[in-house]
Protein backbone atom coordinates (compact mmCIF):
# COMPACT_ATOMS: atom_id res chain seq x y z
CA MET A 1 20.21 41.29 -9.71
CA LYS A 2 23.28 39.91 -11.47
CA LYS A 3 24.63 43.33 -12.35
CA GLU A 4 24.16 44.79 -8.88
CA ILE A 5 26.00 42.20 -6.79
CA SER A 6 29.46 40.72 -7.05
CA PHE A 7 28.72 37.72 -9.23
CA LEU A 8 30.90 35.24 -7.41
CA SER A 9 29.56 36.40 -4.05
CA LEU A 10 26.04 35.76 -5.25
CA VAL A 11 27.01 32.32 -6.54
CA GLY A 12 28.70 31.49 -3.26
CA LEU A 13 25.55 32.38 -1.35
CA ILE A 14 23.41 30.27 -3.68
CA CYS A 15 25.74 27.30 -3.38
CA LEU A 16 25.78 27.59 0.43
CA VAL A 17 21.99 27.62 0.60
CA GLN A 18 21.70 24.69 -1.79
CA SER A 19 24.29 22.64 0.11
CA CYS A 20 22.20 22.98 3.24
CA THR A 21 18.84 22.09 1.69
CA ALA A 22 19.45 20.21 -1.53
CA SER A 23 19.00 16.50 -2.16
CA PRO A 24 21.99 14.45 -3.35
CA THR A 25 20.60 14.66 -6.89
CA SER A 26 20.26 18.43 -6.89
CA ASP A 27 23.71 18.81 -5.32
CA LYS A 28 25.23 16.97 -8.30
CA LEU A 29 23.52 19.45 -10.61
CA THR A 30 24.86 22.59 -8.96
CA PHE A 31 26.98 24.72 -11.27
CA ASN A 32 30.49 25.34 -9.94
CA PRO A 33 31.50 28.89 -10.97
CA ALA A 34 35.11 28.37 -9.89
CA LYS A 35 35.80 25.42 -12.17
CA TYR A 36 36.77 27.08 -15.42
CA GLN A 37 39.64 27.92 -17.71
CA LYS A 38 40.25 31.34 -19.21
CA GLN A 39 40.45 31.34 -22.99
CA GLU A 40 41.54 34.14 -25.29
CA LEU A 41 40.11 33.51 -28.75
CA LYS A 42 40.37 35.15 -32.15
CA TYR A 43 37.42 35.61 -34.46
CA GLU A 44 37.52 37.76 -37.60
CA GLY A 45 40.33 39.88 -36.15
CA LYS A 46 38.54 40.34 -32.86
CA THR A 47 39.85 39.08 -29.50
CA ILE A 48 37.26 37.33 -27.36
CA LYS A 49 37.97 36.51 -23.71
CA VAL A 50 35.78 33.83 -22.19
CA ARG A 51 35.49 31.57 -19.20
CA ALA A 52 35.24 28.01 -20.42
CA TYR A 53 33.30 25.52 -18.30
CA GLU A 54 33.84 22.25 -20.11
CA LYS A 55 32.73 18.64 -19.76
CA ILE A 56 30.02 19.40 -17.20
CA VAL A 57 27.93 16.28 -16.52
CA TYR A 58 24.40 17.66 -16.74
CA VAL A 59 22.47 14.80 -15.09
CA ALA A 60 22.82 13.18 -11.68
CA ASN A 61 22.67 9.61 -13.01
CA PRO A 62 24.52 9.62 -16.35
CA VAL A 63 24.46 6.56 -18.57
CA ASP A 64 27.48 7.57 -20.65
CA VAL A 65 29.73 10.41 -19.50
CA ASN A 66 31.46 10.44 -22.87
CA TYR A 67 28.39 12.14 -24.28
CA GLU A 68 26.15 13.38 -21.44
CA ILE A 69 28.36 16.40 -20.92
CA MET A 70 28.08 20.07 -21.77
CA ASN A 71 30.48 22.90 -22.60
CA ILE A 72 29.50 26.38 -21.46
CA TYR A 73 31.33 29.49 -22.65
CA ILE A 74 30.69 32.88 -21.07
CA PRO A 75 32.19 36.22 -22.16
CA GLU A 76 34.54 37.55 -19.49
CA GLU A 77 32.79 40.93 -19.57
CA TYR A 78 29.77 39.48 -17.81
CA PHE A 79 31.78 38.78 -14.68
CA ASN A 80 32.95 42.40 -14.53
CA GLY A 81 29.69 44.28 -14.92
CA LYS A 82 30.31 45.05 -18.59
CA SER A 83 28.23 44.52 -21.71
CA VAL A 84 28.78 42.94 -25.14
CA ASN A 85 26.71 43.95 -28.16
CA GLY A 86 24.18 45.56 -25.83
CA TYR A 87 23.80 42.42 -23.68
CA THR A 88 24.64 42.08 -19.99
CA ALA A 89 25.01 39.17 -17.58
CA GLU A 90 21.27 39.38 -17.01
CA THR A 91 20.07 39.76 -20.58
CA ALA A 92 22.43 37.72 -22.77
CA PRO A 93 20.59 34.94 -24.61
CA ILE A 94 21.93 31.40 -24.38
CA PHE A 95 22.79 29.88 -27.75
CA PHE A 96 22.38 26.11 -27.64
CA PRO A 97 23.94 24.41 -30.71
CA ASN A 98 23.98 20.64 -30.89
CA GLN A 99 26.37 18.51 -32.96
CA VAL A 100 23.99 15.62 -33.65
CA GLY A 101 24.26 14.23 -37.19
CA GLY A 102 22.76 11.07 -38.63
CA TYR A 103 21.30 10.31 -35.18
CA MET A 104 24.83 9.34 -34.16
CA PRO A 105 26.23 10.07 -30.67
CA ALA A 106 27.60 13.59 -30.44
CA THR A 107 30.08 15.37 -28.22
CA PRO A 108 29.51 19.04 -27.38
CA ALA A 109 30.80 21.77 -29.65
CA SER A 110 33.85 23.63 -28.42
CA THR A 111 35.82 26.77 -29.15
CA SER A 112 38.60 24.71 -30.73
CA MET A 113 36.36 23.09 -33.35
CA GLN A 114 35.84 24.15 -36.91
CA GLN A 115 32.36 23.91 -38.29
CA GLY A 116 31.98 21.20 -40.91
CA MET A 117 28.91 19.79 -42.61
CA PRO A 118 26.30 17.21 -41.56
CA PRO A 119 27.11 13.59 -42.34
CA LEU A 120 26.31 12.64 -45.91
CA ASN A 121 22.98 10.83 -45.65
CA GLY A 122 23.83 10.46 -41.98
CA ARG A 123 25.81 7.38 -42.93
CA GLY A 124 29.12 5.94 -41.86
CA ALA A 125 30.70 2.59 -42.57
CA GLN A 126 28.60 1.00 -39.84
CA ASP A 127 25.57 1.61 -42.07
CA LEU A 128 27.13 -0.14 -45.04
CA GLY A 129 28.22 -3.29 -43.26
CA LYS A 130 31.73 -3.11 -44.61
CA GLY A 131 34.96 -1.15 -44.40
CA LYS A 132 35.89 2.09 -46.11
CA PRO A 133 33.07 3.05 -48.51
CA GLU A 134 33.93 3.52 -52.15
CA GLY A 135 34.82 7.15 -52.79
CA MET A 136 35.69 8.00 -49.21
CA PRO A 137 38.57 10.51 -49.17
CA GLU A 138 42.04 9.25 -48.29
CA GLY A 139 42.78 9.63 -44.58
CA ALA A 140 39.14 9.54 -43.53
CA ARG A 141 38.24 6.95 -40.92
CA PRO A 142 35.68 4.28 -41.90
CA ASP A 143 33.38 5.32 -39.04
CA GLY A 144 33.13 8.80 -40.49
CA MET A 145 35.09 10.45 -37.70
CA ALA A 146 37.89 12.88 -38.39
CA PRO A 147 41.35 11.37 -38.99
CA LYS A 148 43.64 11.19 -35.97
CA GLY A 149 45.41 14.49 -35.39
CA THR A 150 42.71 16.64 -36.98
CA ASP A 151 39.80 18.60 -35.55
CA GLN A 152 37.09 16.29 -34.27
CA ASN A 153 33.61 17.67 -34.75
CA GLY A 154 31.68 15.48 -32.37
CA GLY A 155 30.45 11.90 -32.57
CA ALA A 156 28.78 12.26 -35.96
CA PRO A 157 30.46 11.67 -39.33
CA ARG A 158 31.63 15.02 -40.73
CA MET A 159 33.30 14.26 -44.03
CA MET A 160 33.66 17.19 -46.39
CA PRO A 161 32.91 16.85 -50.09
CA PRO A 162 35.58 18.07 -52.50
CA GLY A 163 35.80 21.84 -52.72
CA MET A 164 33.94 22.54 -49.48
CA SER A 165 36.25 24.14 -46.92
CA LYS A 166 35.60 24.22 -43.22
CA ARG A 167 34.06 27.30 -41.70
CA PRO A 168 34.92 28.96 -38.37
CA SER A 169 33.16 27.48 -35.37
CA VAL A 170 29.62 28.65 -34.74
CA VAL A 171 30.64 28.78 -31.06
CA LEU A 172 33.15 31.58 -31.73
CA ALA A 173 30.72 33.40 -33.97
CA ALA A 174 28.02 33.32 -31.29
CA LEU A 175 30.41 34.44 -28.55
CA SER A 176 31.41 37.41 -30.69
CA GLN A 177 27.77 38.48 -30.61
CA GLY A 178 27.70 38.50 -26.81
CA TYR A 179 25.74 35.29 -26.44
CA VAL A 180 26.44 32.74 -23.75
CA VAL A 181 27.07 29.47 -25.59
CA ALA A 182 26.09 26.12 -24.12
CA SER A 183 26.52 23.00 -26.23
CA ALA A 184 25.53 19.58 -24.95
CA GLY A 185 26.58 16.15 -26.14
CA ALA A 186 24.06 13.35 -26.45
CA ARG A 187 23.91 9.61 -26.86
CA GLY A 188 23.08 8.21 -30.29
CA ARG A 189 21.94 5.17 -32.21
CA THR A 190 25.28 3.33 -31.90
CA THR A 191 25.94 3.97 -28.18
CA VAL A 192 26.51 0.66 -26.40
CA ALA A 193 26.97 -0.13 -22.71
CA LYS A 194 29.60 -2.52 -21.34
CA ASP A 195 26.99 -5.27 -21.11
CA GLY A 196 26.24 -4.94 -24.82
CA THR A 197 22.89 -3.20 -24.52
CA PHE A 198 22.14 -0.20 -26.69
CA THR A 199 21.76 3.00 -24.66
CA GLY A 200 21.17 5.68 -27.27
CA LYS A 201 18.10 4.60 -29.20
CA ALA A 202 15.07 6.89 -29.54
CA PRO A 203 14.20 9.01 -27.66
CA ASN A 204 17.45 9.12 -25.64
CA ALA A 205 19.34 11.77 -27.65
CA LEU A 206 16.40 14.12 -27.30
CA VAL A 207 16.05 13.30 -23.61
CA ASP A 208 19.74 14.08 -23.06
CA LEU A 209 19.39 17.49 -24.71
CA LYS A 210 16.28 18.22 -22.66
CA ALA A 211 18.21 17.36 -19.51
CA ALA A 212 20.96 19.79 -20.52
CA ILE A 213 18.40 22.56 -20.95
CA ARG A 214 17.05 21.75 -17.50
CA TYR A 215 20.57 22.06 -16.09
CA LEU A 216 20.85 25.56 -17.54
CA LYS A 217 17.49 26.59 -16.13
CA TYR A 218 18.22 25.04 -12.75
CA ASN A 219 21.40 27.11 -12.49
CA ASP A 220 20.04 30.27 -14.10
CA LYS A 221 20.72 32.45 -11.06
CA ALA A 222 24.22 31.04 -10.64
CA MET A 223 25.63 31.94 -14.06
CA PRO A 224 25.40 34.80 -16.56
CA GLY A 225 22.89 34.49 -19.36
CA ASP A 226 19.10 34.46 -19.44
CA ALA A 227 17.84 30.87 -19.30
CA ASN A 228 14.42 32.14 -20.34
CA LYS A 229 15.97 32.95 -23.72
CA ILE A 230 17.58 29.71 -24.84
CA ILE A 231 17.82 29.38 -28.64
CA SER A 232 18.55 25.91 -30.03
CA ASP A 233 20.46 25.31 -33.25
CA GLY A 234 21.02 22.10 -35.19
CA THR A 235 21.47 20.67 -38.67
CA SER A 236 20.08 17.52 -40.31
CA ALA A 237 19.25 15.06 -37.50
CA GLY A 238 20.49 17.85 -35.23
CA GLY A 239 17.92 20.08 -36.90
CA ALA A 240 15.32 17.47 -36.03
CA MET A 241 16.55 17.55 -32.42
CA SER A 242 16.29 21.34 -32.42
CA ALA A 243 12.74 21.18 -33.76
CA LEU A 244 11.79 18.50 -31.25
CA LEU A 245 13.20 20.53 -28.36
CA GLY A 246 11.07 23.45 -29.49
CA ALA A 247 7.91 21.43 -30.05
CA THR A 248 7.89 19.15 -26.98
CA GLY A 249 8.71 21.50 -24.11
CA ASN A 250 7.58 20.16 -20.73
CA ASN A 251 5.53 17.34 -22.23
CA PRO A 252 5.03 14.51 -19.70
CA ASP A 253 5.86 11.78 -22.23
CA TYR A 254 9.56 12.35 -21.58
CA GLU A 255 9.37 12.70 -17.81
CA PRO A 256 10.10 9.04 -16.91
CA TYR A 257 13.28 9.14 -18.99
CA LEU A 258 14.39 12.43 -17.45
CA GLU A 259 13.65 11.25 -13.94
CA LYS A 260 15.69 8.09 -14.48
CA LEU A 261 18.68 10.20 -15.54
CA GLY A 262 18.34 12.44 -12.52
CA ALA A 263 17.64 15.52 -14.59
CA ALA A 264 16.86 18.75 -12.77
CA LYS A 265 13.18 19.07 -11.83
CA VAL A 266 12.56 22.28 -13.75
CA THR A 267 11.10 23.14 -17.16
CA ASP A 268 12.75 22.34 -20.49
CA ASN A 269 10.89 24.55 -22.97
CA LEU A 270 12.85 26.85 -25.28
CA PHE A 271 12.53 30.48 -26.28
CA ALA A 272 13.34 30.03 -29.97
CA VAL A 273 14.40 27.41 -32.50
CA GLN A 274 16.79 27.40 -35.45
CA ALA A 275 16.41 24.19 -37.44
CA TYR A 276 18.52 23.62 -40.55
CA CYS A 277 17.25 20.90 -42.91
CA PRO A 278 15.55 18.95 -40.11
CA ILE A 279 15.33 15.22 -40.87
CA THR A 280 12.05 14.85 -39.05
CA ASN A 281 8.43 13.64 -39.30
CA LEU A 282 10.04 10.29 -40.03
CA ASP A 283 6.88 8.20 -40.08
CA HIS A 284 5.66 10.27 -43.06
CA ALA A 285 9.01 11.15 -44.64
CA ASP A 286 9.00 8.19 -47.07
CA MET A 287 5.68 9.37 -48.50
CA ALA A 288 6.90 12.95 -48.81
CA TYR A 289 10.10 11.89 -50.54
CA GLU A 290 8.27 9.86 -53.17
CA TRP A 291 5.61 12.56 -53.67
CA GLN A 292 8.52 14.73 -54.75
CA PHE A 293 10.73 12.26 -56.62
CA ASN A 294 8.25 9.74 -58.02
CA GLY A 295 9.00 9.37 -61.73
CA VAL A 296 12.69 10.19 -61.25
CA ASN A 297 13.96 6.65 -61.65
CA ASP A 298 17.68 7.33 -61.79
CA TYR A 299 19.68 8.58 -58.85
CA GLN A 300 22.84 10.54 -58.34
CA ALA A 301 25.82 8.58 -57.07
CA SER A 302 27.50 10.32 -54.12
CA MET A 303 30.46 9.83 -51.80
CA MET A 304 28.53 7.03 -50.14
CA PRO A 305 25.86 4.83 -51.72
CA PRO A 306 22.28 6.06 -51.32
CA THR A 307 20.31 4.99 -48.30
CA GLY A 308 18.32 1.78 -48.23
CA ASN A 309 17.82 -1.33 -50.39
CA ASN A 310 21.00 -0.61 -52.33
CA ASP A 311 21.34 -3.85 -54.29
CA ASN A 312 21.13 -2.06 -57.61
CA LYS A 313 24.46 -1.13 -59.24
CA SER A 314 23.23 0.74 -62.31
CA ASN A 315 22.08 3.96 -60.60
CA THR A 316 18.56 3.21 -61.80
CA LEU A 317 15.64 2.11 -59.66
CA THR A 318 14.52 -1.49 -59.95
CA ALA A 319 10.95 -2.39 -60.88
CA ALA A 320 10.25 -3.19 -57.21
CA GLN A 321 11.58 0.21 -56.13
CA ILE A 322 9.52 2.00 -58.76
CA LYS A 323 6.45 0.15 -57.47
CA ALA A 324 7.24 1.17 -53.88
CA SER A 325 7.70 4.79 -54.99
CA GLY A 326 4.24 4.85 -56.53
CA GLU A 327 2.60 3.26 -53.52
CA LEU A 328 4.26 5.67 -51.09
CA LYS A 329 3.37 8.72 -53.20
CA ALA A 330 -0.27 7.60 -53.23
CA GLN A 331 -0.36 7.67 -49.41
CA PHE A 332 0.91 11.24 -49.10
CA SER A 333 -2.23 13.10 -50.22
CA ASP A 334 -4.31 11.62 -47.42
CA TYR A 335 -1.68 12.62 -44.87
CA VAL A 336 -1.45 16.21 -46.08
CA ASN A 337 -5.23 16.55 -46.22
CA SER A 338 -5.56 15.20 -42.67
CA LEU A 339 -3.52 18.15 -41.33
CA SER A 340 -6.06 20.79 -42.45
CA LEU A 341 -3.24 23.14 -43.41
CA LYS A 342 -3.94 26.70 -44.58
CA ASP A 343 -1.82 29.26 -46.36
CA SER A 344 -1.20 32.82 -45.13
CA LYS A 345 -4.58 33.91 -46.55
CA GLY A 346 -6.49 31.12 -44.84
CA ILE A 347 -6.95 29.06 -48.01
CA ALA A 348 -6.92 25.29 -47.49
CA LEU A 349 -3.82 23.46 -48.67
CA THR A 350 -4.77 20.10 -50.14
CA LEU A 351 -3.70 17.47 -52.66
CA ASP A 352 -5.79 15.35 -55.02
CA LYS A 353 -5.26 11.64 -55.54
CA ASP A 354 -2.55 12.38 -58.12
CA GLY A 355 -0.58 14.57 -55.71
CA ASN A 356 -1.52 17.88 -57.28
CA GLY A 357 -3.27 20.82 -55.67
CA SER A 358 -2.86 23.92 -53.57
CA PHE A 359 -0.31 22.32 -51.25
CA LYS A 360 1.98 21.62 -54.20
CA ASP A 361 1.59 25.24 -55.29
CA TRP A 362 2.45 26.29 -51.72
CA VAL A 363 5.71 24.33 -51.81
CA LYS A 364 6.46 25.83 -55.23
CA SER A 365 5.89 29.33 -53.85
CA TYR A 366 8.81 28.90 -51.42
CA VAL A 367 11.12 27.78 -54.24
CA ILE A 368 9.96 30.71 -56.39
CA ALA A 369 10.62 33.13 -53.51
CA SER A 370 14.09 31.63 -53.13
CA ALA A 371 14.82 32.01 -56.84
CA GLN A 372 13.60 35.60 -56.73
CA LYS A 373 15.93 36.43 -53.86
CA ALA A 374 18.83 34.90 -55.79
CA LEU A 375 17.88 36.83 -58.92
CA ASP A 376 17.66 40.09 -56.99
CA SER A 377 21.15 39.48 -55.61
CA GLY A 378 22.58 39.16 -59.11
CA THR A 379 22.60 35.40 -59.59
CA ASP A 380 22.28 34.37 -63.24
CA LEU A 381 19.30 32.01 -63.51
CA SER A 382 19.06 31.95 -67.28
CA ALA A 383 20.28 28.34 -67.53
CA HIS A 384 17.28 27.13 -65.53
CA THR A 385 14.75 26.85 -68.33
CA TRP A 386 12.20 25.40 -65.91
CA LEU A 387 11.94 28.84 -64.28
CA LYS A 388 9.57 31.33 -65.89
CA ILE A 389 11.02 34.82 -65.50
CA GLU A 390 9.38 38.00 -66.84
CA ASN A 391 10.64 41.52 -66.25
CA LYS A 392 13.10 40.28 -63.65
CA LYS A 393 10.33 38.53 -61.75
CA VAL A 394 10.16 34.77 -61.18
CA ILE A 395 6.51 34.02 -61.77
CA ASP A 396 6.40 30.22 -62.10
CA LEU A 397 8.41 27.02 -62.31
CA ASP A 398 7.94 23.58 -63.83
CA PHE A 399 7.99 21.49 -60.67
CA ASP A 400 8.74 18.18 -62.39
CA GLN A 401 11.71 19.63 -64.26
CA TYR A 402 12.93 21.35 -61.11
CA VAL A 403 12.91 18.01 -59.26
CA ARG A 404 14.88 16.40 -62.07
CA TYR A 405 17.38 19.24 -61.77
CA MET A 406 17.75 18.38 -58.07
CA ASN A 407 18.30 14.66 -58.83
CA ARG A 408 17.11 11.80 -56.65
CA GLN A 409 19.51 10.87 -53.86
CA LYS A 410 17.71 8.18 -51.89
CA LEU A 411 16.02 4.94 -52.88
CA PRO A 412 12.44 4.11 -51.89
CA PRO A 413 11.70 3.84 -49.05
CA ALA A 414 14.20 6.56 -48.21
CA PHE A 415 13.99 6.29 -44.42
CA ASP A 416 12.29 3.05 -43.31
CA ALA A 417 14.17 0.73 -45.68
CA PHE A 418 12.77 -2.72 -46.36
CA ASP A 419 16.17 -4.17 -45.46
CA LEU A 420 16.57 -2.11 -42.25
CA SER A 421 19.67 -0.43 -43.67
CA THR A 422 19.08 3.22 -42.82
CA PRO A 423 20.28 5.30 -39.86
CA GLU A 424 16.63 5.86 -38.95
CA ASN A 425 16.01 2.10 -38.71
CA GLN A 426 18.86 1.95 -36.23
CA GLU A 427 17.58 5.01 -34.36
CA PHE A 428 14.32 3.19 -33.65
CA GLY A 429 15.98 0.11 -32.15
CA THR A 430 15.69 -0.93 -28.52
CA GLU A 431 18.14 -1.86 -25.78
CA LYS A 432 18.37 -5.35 -27.29
CA ILE A 433 17.28 -4.89 -30.92
CA ASP A 434 19.62 -2.82 -33.08
CA LYS A 435 17.24 -1.95 -35.93
CA GLN A 436 13.48 -1.79 -36.36
CA HIS A 437 10.90 -0.57 -38.81
CA PHE A 438 8.77 2.43 -37.88
CA THR A 439 6.08 2.44 -40.56
CA GLU A 440 3.44 -0.20 -41.19
CA TYR A 441 4.19 -0.08 -44.92
CA SER A 442 7.84 -1.05 -44.56
CA GLN A 443 7.11 -3.63 -41.87
CA LYS A 444 4.60 -5.25 -44.23
CA ASN A 445 7.14 -5.28 -47.07
CA SER A 446 10.21 -6.06 -44.97
CA THR A 447 12.90 -8.25 -46.52
CA VAL A 448 14.35 -9.06 -43.09
CA GLY A 449 13.06 -12.18 -41.40
CA ASN A 450 11.41 -11.71 -38.00
CA SER A 451 11.66 -7.92 -38.28
CA THR A 452 9.85 -5.85 -35.68
CA ILE A 453 8.27 -2.41 -35.63
CA ALA A 454 8.98 0.29 -33.06
CA ASP A 455 6.43 1.06 -30.39
CA GLN A 456 4.09 3.83 -31.48
CA SER A 457 4.87 5.85 -28.36
CA LEU A 458 8.54 6.05 -29.41
CA ILE A 459 7.65 7.00 -32.98
CA LYS A 460 5.46 9.76 -31.56
CA MET A 461 8.23 11.07 -29.30
CA LEU A 462 10.50 11.62 -32.30
CA ASN A 463 7.98 13.60 -34.36
CA PRO A 464 7.33 17.26 -33.44
CA MET A 465 4.06 17.28 -35.38
CA TYR A 466 2.29 15.29 -32.66
CA TYR A 467 3.05 17.88 -29.98
CA ILE A 468 2.51 21.26 -31.63
CA GLY A 469 -0.49 22.97 -30.11
CA GLN A 470 -1.13 20.32 -27.46
CA PRO A 471 -2.43 21.70 -24.14
CA ASN A 472 0.15 19.90 -21.96
CA THR A 473 3.11 21.15 -24.01
CA THR A 474 4.99 24.47 -24.06
CA VAL A 475 5.95 25.03 -27.70
CA SER A 476 8.58 27.64 -28.55
CA LYS A 477 7.00 30.83 -29.85
CA TYR A 478 9.73 31.69 -32.38
CA TRP A 479 10.97 29.47 -35.20
CA ARG A 480 13.51 29.87 -38.00
CA ILE A 481 13.58 26.95 -40.44
CA ARG A 482 15.99 26.68 -43.36
CA HIS A 483 16.11 23.89 -45.94
CA GLY A 484 18.14 24.36 -49.11
CA SER A 485 16.25 24.36 -52.40
CA LYS A 486 18.66 21.67 -53.63
CA ASP A 487 18.69 19.66 -50.41
CA LYS A 488 17.47 16.15 -51.18
CA ASP A 489 18.21 14.41 -47.89
CA THR A 490 14.49 14.70 -47.17
CA GLY A 491 11.56 16.01 -49.17
CA LEU A 492 10.85 19.74 -49.39
CA ALA A 493 7.37 19.04 -48.06
CA ILE A 494 8.74 18.09 -44.63
CA PRO A 495 10.03 21.55 -43.59
CA VAL A 496 7.11 23.25 -45.36
CA ILE A 497 4.60 21.13 -43.45
CA LEU A 498 6.38 21.82 -40.15
CA GLY A 499 6.54 25.57 -40.72
CA THR A 500 2.99 25.85 -42.03
CA TYR A 501 1.53 23.78 -39.20
CA LEU A 502 3.32 25.97 -36.65
CA GLN A 503 2.03 29.12 -38.34
CA ASN A 504 -1.50 27.72 -38.36
CA LYS A 505 -1.24 27.12 -34.62
CA GLY A 506 -0.24 30.74 -33.97
CA TYR A 507 3.55 30.49 -33.68
CA VAL A 508 5.94 32.95 -35.33
CA VAL A 509 7.79 31.23 -38.17
CA ASP A 510 10.52 32.37 -40.57
CA LEU A 511 10.70 29.61 -43.20
CA ALA A 512 12.84 29.72 -46.34
CA LEU A 513 14.44 27.37 -48.89
CA PRO A 514 17.77 29.09 -49.69
CA TRP A 515 18.60 28.97 -53.37
CA ASP A 516 20.63 26.00 -54.65
CA ARG A 517 21.75 25.21 -51.12
CA PRO A 518 22.53 21.49 -50.54
CA HIS A 519 22.25 19.67 -47.23
CA SER A 520 24.05 21.97 -44.79
CA GLY A 521 23.65 24.36 -41.88
CA ASP A 522 25.02 27.46 -40.13
CA TYR A 523 25.77 29.02 -43.52
CA ASP A 524 23.94 32.29 -42.85
CA LEU A 525 25.10 33.21 -39.36
CA ASP A 526 24.79 36.95 -39.90
CA GLU A 527 21.12 36.52 -40.75
CA LEU A 528 20.60 34.06 -37.90
CA PHE A 529 22.18 36.40 -35.34
CA SER A 530 20.20 39.35 -36.66
CA TRP A 531 17.05 37.30 -36.12
CA ILE A 532 18.11 36.40 -32.57
CA ASP A 533 18.97 40.01 -31.74
CA HIS A 534 15.60 41.16 -33.05
CA LEU A 535 13.88 38.72 -30.69
CA CYS A 536 16.05 39.36 -27.64
CA LYS A 537 16.67 43.12 -27.64
């Protein structure tokens, strides 16, 4: 037991045994407890002492050591037989935040970082095919990275819109709760080897994060923290990674990739998942977006131009885009009906050919619940005439007017653009092809000569829906999904479908659409940590 034996003595014994019996691969994966730096950190007036194990290569055969590394932070108390927030070296959960944004390569989070926001639309200058995008703040780098001399929040673009200040690092916040924090980097859609081949296309970012989880489990006895209680956390594309980690545990589809990297031969399933605004279910996301925004033919200009097919300067959809919106919306009802979703009372959730029905009412119910929570907290909702409020109760909303209040952000198709201009098109490339389509609809209507479509097996591996409830997969039991009620980076239906499908399969889901919240994450850490403590204590 970790609390009954001198921790370093136990580790030394483990290392000695492994050195005598381990293969060269497993020897590379052995955690070195002596290779750390002591850090004394400040968080909300509290001093936190930790041992920082940084830049650990978590696979035996790394492709890119700039990203396939992990930072692990452990409260000093756990090496001295003490407890933090009721947790000990044996019982402390492991908080596993990733910094993936826009499917870009990401470095691990650290104690020196400040928490920013996900990349706007997941886009940097490399997506626009030119230099500094119009409206980019002075001093920001064209690739979306932080200016030289400022905090660098990983490989993903992290530009802050005006008026949004940075928040303290989620790493510090989690350490203050007594959690062990392990954050892994991962390759991304723009990662390139010296020979010019692409090394981070789907599903490699997910595979990297799985390998990091395996490293933690492989070394569970050699470090404080309970590797049976790993909780992932991510936002935007990182939220998709978090959801995928939770949905695909131990599935054999990923095994060839993990074996090639020299990942530890242990399990990779998670205990619980926090997914903020997950940009997921990509092969159906275009349909979901147009089901929501069809009829909204103007769009809101933002810091960067909207994603996809952006040859229109007037902030109004072209006739061709309006046609595509209608065709995509028409496909969505069949998809929803194929899932056989049910609400909490067992009533079927369906849509008719016009996109109306009980599923639409189900999505509305989450927005109404969000508005009610805001009203109860004292928020003035009187300006929102599309809300029907009686006796301080939100009883209905005009969905079409609500969507117009949100404003369209992306052009149809929002994710699989006809001109291959989106981050998702680049995510589904290959070692030799930078960008590909991933839906038959966009491939059929492609404006790029000789365009290709991604292999169906890769599309499957980046969609959690295909794995939930499958017999050869260990799906996380506990899920917390948050998607802001004013988040238009993907359709509201996407997180609602994910959460409802999980609930229907018997998993425990806490799903909410926080009121007026735009595309963002880690904004409710007190609530998140309360949820984790409830599960782990």
